[in-house]
Amino acid sequence: MSPEAEPARVPEGILVHPTGARSRRVHEAALRATCDLLDEGGLPAVTVDAIAERSGVSKATLYKHWPSKTAVAAEAFGRRMAETVALPDTGTARGDLAEQVRLVSAFYASPAGTVFAQLLAACVSDPGAAPYFRVYFLHGRRVAIGVLWERAVRRGEVDPAIDVETAIDILFGPLVFRLISGHRPLTPEEADAISGAALYGLLRHTSTGAD
């Protein structure tokens, strides 16, 4: 087999990447139907029967492409939503990262954030769907935010010794926790408080030099 003919590597945990024209059409039809169902009723509206009826794809074929309804929903949601939060370019790392926290907070506060929370919870009890959530939603968002971090590293505005994955978790992990727990609101003011604490640190900084 020539290099050009070799199939693309399927990420670990993903059942299949459709290659033939018919397989791609079926795959896309199921994803479009699932997106519509998510818009209409969130994850509870997504069932294999509903996807099959809406898309015209048989249940047997759906199970050849995905291990569960949650996996279909995770891919559909991820492909639609992963690029909806645009990357800011304010000219500074502080401005970029603070604005990105605000944008992600607003996303979680929207109806799409409710679907995100439903999927996150569903993937705990459906481990076969979890790779779809990571590959089609989380991976794209983390790569995008990594662009902001690398930009900041090149400018010399952040500590290059801090791993980008650690920085992402510190800045955006609190938003997910608030979405799930509901203990604090997802407002621009709260987002600024989170990014401020993350960027400036929690400890007081005292001068040790001579006045």
C-alpha atoms as a PDB file:
ATOM      1  CA  MET A   1       0.000   0.000   0.000  1.00  0.00           C
ATOM      2  CA  SER A   2       1.401   3.404  -0.926  1.00  0.00           C
ATOM      3  CA  PRO A   3       1.766   6.101   1.767  1.00  0.00           C
ATOM      4  CA  GLU A   4      -0.986   8.104   0.089  1.00  0.00           C
ATOM      5  CA  ALA A   5      -3.385   5.178   0.381  1.00  0.00           C
ATOM      6  CA  GLU A   6      -2.757   4.505   4.055  1.00  0.00           C
ATOM      7  CA  PRO A   7      -5.757   5.357   6.234  1.00  0.00           C
ATOM      8  CA  ALA A   8      -5.445   8.095   8.843  1.00  0.00           C
ATOM      9  CA  ARG A   9      -4.705   6.788  12.313  1.00  0.00           C
ATOM     10  CA  VAL A  10      -7.847   6.469  14.391  1.00  0.00           C
ATOM     11  CA  PRO A  11      -7.337   7.969  17.871  1.00  0.00           C
ATOM     12  CA  GLU A  12      -7.366   5.488  20.732  1.00  0.00           C
ATOM     13  CA  GLY A  13     -10.893   4.746  21.906  1.00  0.00           C
ATOM     14  CA  ILE A  14     -12.548   5.996  18.701  1.00  0.00           C
ATOM     15  CA  LEU A  15     -14.474   3.224  16.968  1.00  0.00           C
ATOM     16  CA  VAL A  16     -14.084   4.277  13.348  1.00  0.00           C
ATOM     17  CA  HIS A  17     -13.179   7.070  10.955  1.00  0.00           C
ATOM     18  CA  PRO A  18     -15.462   6.739   7.913  1.00  0.00           C
ATOM     19  CA  THR A  19     -13.503   6.579   4.662  1.00  0.00           C
ATOM     20  CA  GLY A  20     -15.874   5.673   1.828  1.00  0.00           C
ATOM     21  CA  ALA A  21     -18.291   8.240   0.386  1.00  0.00           C
ATOM     22  CA  ARG A  22     -21.393   6.400   1.616  1.00  0.00           C
ATOM     23  CA  SER A  23     -19.915   5.861   5.060  1.00  0.00           C
ATOM     24  CA  ARG A  24     -19.086   9.566   5.342  1.00  0.00           C
ATOM     25  CA  ARG A  25     -22.605  10.558   4.269  1.00  0.00           C
ATOM     26  CA  VAL A  26     -24.144   8.254   6.859  1.00  0.00           C
ATOM     27  CA  HIS A  27     -21.775   9.538   9.551  1.00  0.00           C
ATOM     28  CA  GLU A  28     -22.550  13.176   8.760  1.00  0.00           C
ATOM     29  CA  ALA A  29     -26.296  12.581   8.598  1.00  0.00           C
ATOM     30  CA  ALA A  30     -26.250  11.038  12.066  1.00  0.00           C
ATOM     31  CA  LEU A  31     -24.173  13.906  13.455  1.00  0.00           C
ATOM     32  CA  ARG A  32     -26.468  16.556  11.958  1.00  0.00           C
ATOM     33  CA  ALA A  33     -29.516  14.820  13.395  1.00  0.00           C
ATOM     34  CA  THR A  34     -27.846  14.577  16.793  1.00  0.00           C
ATOM     35  CA  CYS A  35     -26.959  18.278  16.767  1.00  0.00           C
ATOM     36  CA  ASP A  36     -30.605  19.112  16.103  1.00  0.00           C
ATOM     37  CA  LEU A  37     -31.731  16.867  18.956  1.00  0.00           C
ATOM     38  CA  LEU A  38     -29.209  18.475  21.331  1.00  0.00           C
ATOM     39  CA  ASP A  39     -30.494  21.929  20.364  1.00  0.00           C
ATOM     40  CA  GLU A  40     -34.078  20.878  20.959  1.00  0.00           C
ATOM     41  CA  GLY A  41     -33.789  19.025  24.243  1.00  0.00           C
ATOM     42  CA  GLY A  42     -30.200  18.606  25.373  1.00  0.00           C
ATOM     43  CA  LEU A  43     -28.686  15.198  25.997  1.00  0.00           C
ATOM     44  CA  PRO A  44     -31.950  13.628  27.294  1.00  0.00           C
ATOM     45  CA  ALA A  45     -33.412  14.117  23.796  1.00  0.00           C
ATOM     46  CA  VAL A  46     -30.636  12.063  22.218  1.00  0.00           C
ATOM     47  CA  THR A  47     -31.537   8.390  21.947  1.00  0.00           C
ATOM     48  CA  VAL A  48     -30.471   5.859  19.342  1.00  0.00           C
ATOM     49  CA  ASP A  49     -34.090   5.569  18.213  1.00  0.00           C
ATOM     50  CA  ALA A  50     -34.386   9.356  17.836  1.00  0.00           C
ATOM     51  CA  ILE A  51     -31.115   9.638  15.905  1.00  0.00           C
ATOM     52  CA  ALA A  52     -32.137   6.808  13.596  1.00  0.00           C
ATOM     53  CA  GLU A  53     -35.574   8.297  12.949  1.00  0.00           C
ATOM     54  CA  ARG A  54     -34.239  11.815  12.370  1.00  0.00           C
ATOM     55  CA  SER A  55     -31.270  10.821  10.197  1.00  0.00           C
ATOM     56  CA  GLY A  56     -32.627   7.815   8.339  1.00  0.00           C
ATOM     57  CA  VAL A  57     -29.596   5.798   9.474  1.00  0.00           C
ATOM     58  CA  SER A  58     -30.389   2.362  10.863  1.00  0.00           C
ATOM     59  CA  LYS A  59     -29.604   1.565  14.481  1.00  0.00           C
ATOM     60  CA  ALA A  60     -27.338  -1.270  13.366  1.00  0.00           C
ATOM     61  CA  THR A  61     -25.278   1.161  11.284  1.00  0.00           C
ATOM     62  CA  LEU A  62     -25.128   3.696  14.117  1.00  0.00           C
ATOM     63  CA  TYR A  63     -23.601   1.067  16.383  1.00  0.00           C
ATOM     64  CA  LYS A  64     -20.972   0.353  13.724  1.00  0.00           C
ATOM     65  CA  HIS A  65     -19.875   3.990  13.918  1.00  0.00           C
ATOM     66  CA  TRP A  66     -20.287   4.697  17.653  1.00  0.00           C
ATOM     67  CA  PRO A  67     -20.401   2.541  20.796  1.00  0.00           C
ATOM     68  CA  SER A  68     -23.304   4.459  22.383  1.00  0.00           C
ATOM     69  CA  LYS A  69     -25.688   7.386  22.038  1.00  0.00           C
ATOM     70  CA  THR A  70     -23.459   9.435  24.357  1.00  0.00           C
ATOM     71  CA  ALA A  71     -20.521   8.911  22.013  1.00  0.00           C
ATOM     72  CA  VAL A  72     -22.560  10.200  19.060  1.00  0.00           C
ATOM     73  CA  ALA A  73     -23.651  13.205  21.112  1.00  0.00           C
ATOM     74  CA  ALA A  74     -20.104  13.937  22.256  1.00  0.00           C
ATOM     75  CA  GLU A  75     -18.765  13.953  18.694  1.00  0.00           C
ATOM     76  CA  ALA A  76     -21.677  16.012  17.380  1.00  0.00           C
ATOM     77  CA  PHE A  77     -21.413  18.567  20.171  1.00  0.00           C
ATOM     78  CA  GLY A  78     -17.651  18.755  19.954  1.00  0.00           C
ATOM     79  CA  ARG A  79     -17.534  19.283  16.219  1.00  0.00           C
ATOM     80  CA  ARG A  80     -20.090  22.077  16.419  1.00  0.00           C
ATOM     81  CA  MET A  81     -18.866  23.840  19.535  1.00  0.00           C
ATOM     82  CA  ALA A  82     -15.099  23.397  19.667  1.00  0.00           C
ATOM     83  CA  GLU A  83     -14.424  26.485  17.550  1.00  0.00           C
ATOM     84  CA  THR A  84     -17.162  28.768  18.869  1.00  0.00           C
ATOM     85  CA  VAL A  85     -14.944  30.493  21.431  1.00  0.00           C
ATOM     86  CA  ALA A  86     -12.604  32.627  19.313  1.00  0.00           C
ATOM     87  CA  LEU A  87      -9.070  33.293  20.483  1.00  0.00           C
ATOM     88  CA  PRO A  88      -8.458  36.896  21.581  1.00  0.00           C
ATOM     89  CA  ASP A  89      -5.405  38.901  20.568  1.00  0.00           C
ATOM     90  CA  THR A  90      -5.198  41.875  22.899  1.00  0.00           C
ATOM     91  CA  GLY A  91      -1.451  42.353  22.616  1.00  0.00           C
ATOM     92  CA  THR A  92      -0.584  41.065  26.080  1.00  0.00           C
ATOM     93  CA  ALA A  93      -0.630  37.692  27.811  1.00  0.00           C
ATOM     94  CA  ARG A  94      -2.591  39.159  30.705  1.00  0.00           C
ATOM     95  CA  GLY A  95      -5.255  40.538  28.366  1.00  0.00           C
ATOM     96  CA  ASP A  96      -5.436  37.414  26.189  1.00  0.00           C
ATOM     97  CA  LEU A  97      -5.765  34.947  29.045  1.00  0.00           C
ATOM     98  CA  ALA A  98      -8.192  37.066  31.057  1.00  0.00           C
ATOM     99  CA  GLU A  99     -10.404  37.581  28.007  1.00  0.00           C
ATOM    100  CA  GLN A 100     -10.306  33.878  27.177  1.00  0.00           C
ATOM    101  CA  VAL A 101     -11.455  33.017  30.709  1.00  0.00           C
ATOM    102  CA  ARG A 102     -14.362  35.465  30.268  1.00  0.00           C
ATOM    103  CA  LEU A 103     -15.315  33.912  26.913  1.00  0.00           C
ATOM    104  CA  VAL A 104     -15.188  30.351  28.229  1.00  0.00           C
ATOM    105  CA  SER A 105     -17.192  31.379  31.295  1.00  0.00           C
ATOM    106  CA  ALA A 106     -19.878  32.880  29.043  1.00  0.00           C
ATOM    107  CA  PHE A 107     -19.920  29.666  27.001  1.00  0.00           C
ATOM    108  CA  TYR A 108     -20.494  27.562  30.123  1.00  0.00           C
ATOM    109  CA  ALA A 109     -23.234  29.945  31.267  1.00  0.00           C
ATOM    110  CA  SER A 110     -25.093  29.494  27.957  1.00  0.00           C
ATOM    111  CA  PRO A 111     -27.433  26.633  26.959  1.00  0.00           C
ATOM    112  CA  ALA A 112     -24.409  24.972  25.337  1.00  0.00           C
ATOM    113  CA  GLY A 113     -22.809  24.885  28.781  1.00  0.00           C
ATOM    114  CA  THR A 114     -25.749  22.857  30.075  1.00  0.00           C
ATOM    115  CA  VAL A 115     -25.186  20.285  27.321  1.00  0.00           C
ATOM    116  CA  PHE A 116     -21.470  20.286  28.153  1.00  0.00           C
ATOM    117  CA  ALA A 117     -22.287  19.468  31.785  1.00  0.00           C
ATOM    118  CA  GLN A 118     -24.711  16.737  30.745  1.00  0.00           C
ATOM    119  CA  LEU A 119     -22.083  15.142  28.524  1.00  0.00           C
ATOM    120  CA  LEU A 120     -19.405  15.430  31.171  1.00  0.00           C
ATOM    121  CA  ALA A 121     -21.611  13.630  33.685  1.00  0.00           C
ATOM    122  CA  ALA A 122     -22.748  11.008  31.170  1.00  0.00           C
ATOM    123  CA  CYS A 123     -19.180  10.108  30.217  1.00  0.00           C
ATOM    124  CA  VAL A 124     -18.463   9.150  33.833  1.00  0.00           C
ATOM    125  CA  SER A 125     -20.930   6.251  33.569  1.00  0.00           C
ATOM    126  CA  ASP A 126     -20.192   5.598  29.882  1.00  0.00           C
ATOM    127  CA  PRO A 127     -16.406   5.222  29.620  1.00  0.00           C
ATOM    128  CA  GLY A 128     -16.707   4.230  25.964  1.00  0.00           C
ATOM    129  CA  ALA A 129     -17.982   7.732  25.190  1.00  0.00           C
ATOM    130  CA  ALA A 130     -15.259   9.558  27.110  1.00  0.00           C
ATOM    131  CA  PRO A 131     -12.661   9.371  24.275  1.00  0.00           C
ATOM    132  CA  TYR A 132     -15.154  11.053  21.930  1.00  0.00           C
ATOM    133  CA  PHE A 133     -15.593  13.915  24.403  1.00  0.00           C
ATOM    134  CA  ARG A 134     -11.834  14.310  24.774  1.00  0.00           C
ATOM    135  CA  VAL A 135     -10.984  14.025  21.067  1.00  0.00           C
ATOM    136  CA  TYR A 136     -13.797  16.067  19.541  1.00  0.00           C
ATOM    137  CA  PHE A 137     -14.281  18.762  22.176  1.00  0.00           C
ATOM    138  CA  LEU A 138     -11.622  19.026  24.853  1.00  0.00           C
ATOM    139  CA  HIS A 139      -8.589  18.413  22.631  1.00  0.00           C
ATOM    140  CA  GLY A 140      -9.484  21.213  20.225  1.00  0.00           C
ATOM    141  CA  ARG A 141     -10.094  23.705  23.004  1.00  0.00           C
ATOM    142  CA  ARG A 142      -6.872  22.841  24.831  1.00  0.00           C
ATOM    143  CA  VAL A 143      -4.845  23.121  21.622  1.00  0.00           C
ATOM    144  CA  ALA A 144      -6.385  26.538  20.953  1.00  0.00           C
ATOM    145  CA  ILE A 145      -5.638  27.837  24.437  1.00  0.00           C
ATOM    146  CA  GLY A 146      -2.141  26.419  24.084  1.00  0.00           C
ATOM    147  CA  VAL A 147      -1.667  28.872  21.212  1.00  0.00           C
ATOM    148  CA  LEU A 148      -2.247  31.735  23.661  1.00  0.00           C
ATOM    149  CA  TRP A 149       0.232  30.253  26.122  1.00  0.00           C
ATOM    150  CA  GLU A 150       2.946  29.736  23.509  1.00  0.00           C
ATOM    151  CA  ARG A 151       2.404  33.301  22.295  1.00  0.00           C
ATOM    152  CA  ALA A 152       2.919  34.501  25.853  1.00  0.00           C
ATOM    153  CA  VAL A 153       6.064  32.384  26.240  1.00  0.00           C
ATOM    154  CA  ARG A 154       7.552  33.880  23.068  1.00  0.00           C
ATOM    155  CA  ARG A 155       6.866  37.371  24.407  1.00  0.00           C
ATOM    156  CA  GLY A 156       8.578  36.507  27.677  1.00  0.00           C
ATOM    157  CA  GLU A 157       5.452  37.386  29.650  1.00  0.00           C
ATOM    158  CA  VAL A 158       4.939  34.077  31.472  1.00  0.00           C
ATOM    159  CA  ASP A 159       7.125  31.532  33.216  1.00  0.00           C
ATOM    160  CA  PRO A 160       8.295  29.103  30.504  1.00  0.00           C
ATOM    161  CA  ALA A 161       8.923  26.453  33.167  1.00  0.00           C
ATOM    162  CA  ILE A 162       5.165  26.127  33.720  1.00  0.00           C
ATOM    163  CA  ASP A 163       3.690  23.357  31.578  1.00  0.00           C
ATOM    164  CA  VAL A 164       0.898  24.556  29.293  1.00  0.00           C
ATOM    165  CA  GLU A 165      -1.437  21.780  30.508  1.00  0.00           C
ATOM    166  CA  THR A 166      -0.947  22.946  34.088  1.00  0.00           C
ATOM    167  CA  ALA A 167      -1.643  26.533  33.098  1.00  0.00           C
ATOM    168  CA  ILE A 168      -4.852  25.525  31.309  1.00  0.00           C
ATOM    169  CA  ASP A 169      -6.121  23.531  34.289  1.00  0.00           C
ATOM    170  CA  ILE A 170      -5.399  26.374  36.718  1.00  0.00           C
ATOM    171  CA  LEU A 171      -7.113  29.003  34.580  1.00  0.00           C
ATOM    172  CA  PHE A 172     -10.120  27.075  33.297  1.00  0.00           C
ATOM    173  CA  GLY A 173     -10.654  24.206  35.740  1.00  0.00           C
ATOM    174  CA  PRO A 174     -12.482  26.476  38.226  1.00  0.00           C
ATOM    175  CA  LEU A 175     -15.055  27.327  35.557  1.00  0.00           C
ATOM    176  CA  VAL A 176     -15.927  23.669  35.034  1.00  0.00           C
ATOM    177  CA  PHE A 177     -16.185  23.162  38.802  1.00  0.00           C
ATOM    178  CA  ARG A 178     -18.557  26.108  39.098  1.00  0.00           C
ATOM    179  CA  LEU A 179     -20.634  24.847  36.193  1.00  0.00           C
ATOM    180  CA  ILE A 180     -21.020  21.434  37.817  1.00  0.00           C
ATOM    181  CA  SER A 181     -21.446  22.545  41.429  1.00  0.00           C
ATOM    182  CA  GLY A 182     -23.324  25.809  40.916  1.00  0.00           C
ATOM    183  CA  HIS A 183     -21.797  27.215  44.095  1.00  0.00           C
ATOM    184  CA  ARG A 184     -20.774  30.492  42.418  1.00  0.00           C
ATOM    185  CA  PRO A 185     -22.100  32.258  39.307  1.00  0.00           C
ATOM    186  CA  LEU A 186     -20.438  32.279  35.892  1.00  0.00           C
ATOM    187  CA  THR A 187     -20.324  36.037  35.347  1.00  0.00           C
ATOM    188  CA  PRO A 188     -17.694  38.306  33.767  1.00  0.00           C
ATOM    189  CA  GLU A 189     -16.819  39.673  37.199  1.00  0.00           C
ATOM    190  CA  GLU A 190     -16.299  36.208  38.653  1.00  0.00           C
ATOM    191  CA  ALA A 191     -14.275  35.204  35.585  1.00  0.00           C
ATOM    192  CA  ASP A 192     -11.993  38.208  36.121  1.00  0.00           C
ATOM    193  CA  ALA A 193     -11.556  37.238  39.773  1.00  0.00           C
ATOM    194  CA  ILE A 194     -10.501  33.719  38.770  1.00  0.00           C
ATOM    195  CA  SER A 195      -8.055  34.835  36.085  1.00  0.00           C
ATOM    196  CA  GLY A 196      -6.647  37.506  38.389  1.00  0.00           C
ATOM    197  CA  ALA A 197      -5.949  35.011  41.154  1.00  0.00           C
ATOM    198  CA  ALA A 198      -4.453  32.526  38.698  1.00  0.00           C
ATOM    199  CA  LEU A 199      -2.233  35.080  36.962  1.00  0.00           C
ATOM    200  CA  TYR A 200      -1.069  36.956  40.045  1.00  0.00           C
ATOM    201  CA  GLY A 201      -0.987  34.114  42.550  1.00  0.00           C
ATOM    202  CA  LEU A 202      -2.650  33.635  45.909  1.00  0.00           C
ATOM    203  CA  LEU A 203       0.255  34.593  48.145  1.00  0.00           C
ATOM    204  CA  ARG A 204       1.110  38.127  49.158  1.00  0.00           C
ATOM    205  CA  HIS A 205       4.293  39.442  47.578  1.00  0.00           C
ATOM    206  CA  THR A 206       6.528  41.388  49.939  1.00  0.00           C
ATOM    207  CA  SER A 207       9.684  43.258  49.053  1.00  0.00           C
ATOM    208  CA  THR A 208      12.902  41.885  50.551  1.00  0.00           C
ATOM    209  CA  GLY A 209      15.205  44.529  49.081  1.00  0.00           C
ATOM    210  CA  ALA A 210      16.326  47.805  50.607  1.00  0.00           C
ATOM    211  CA  ASP A 211      14.033  50.805  50.227  1.00  0.00           C
END
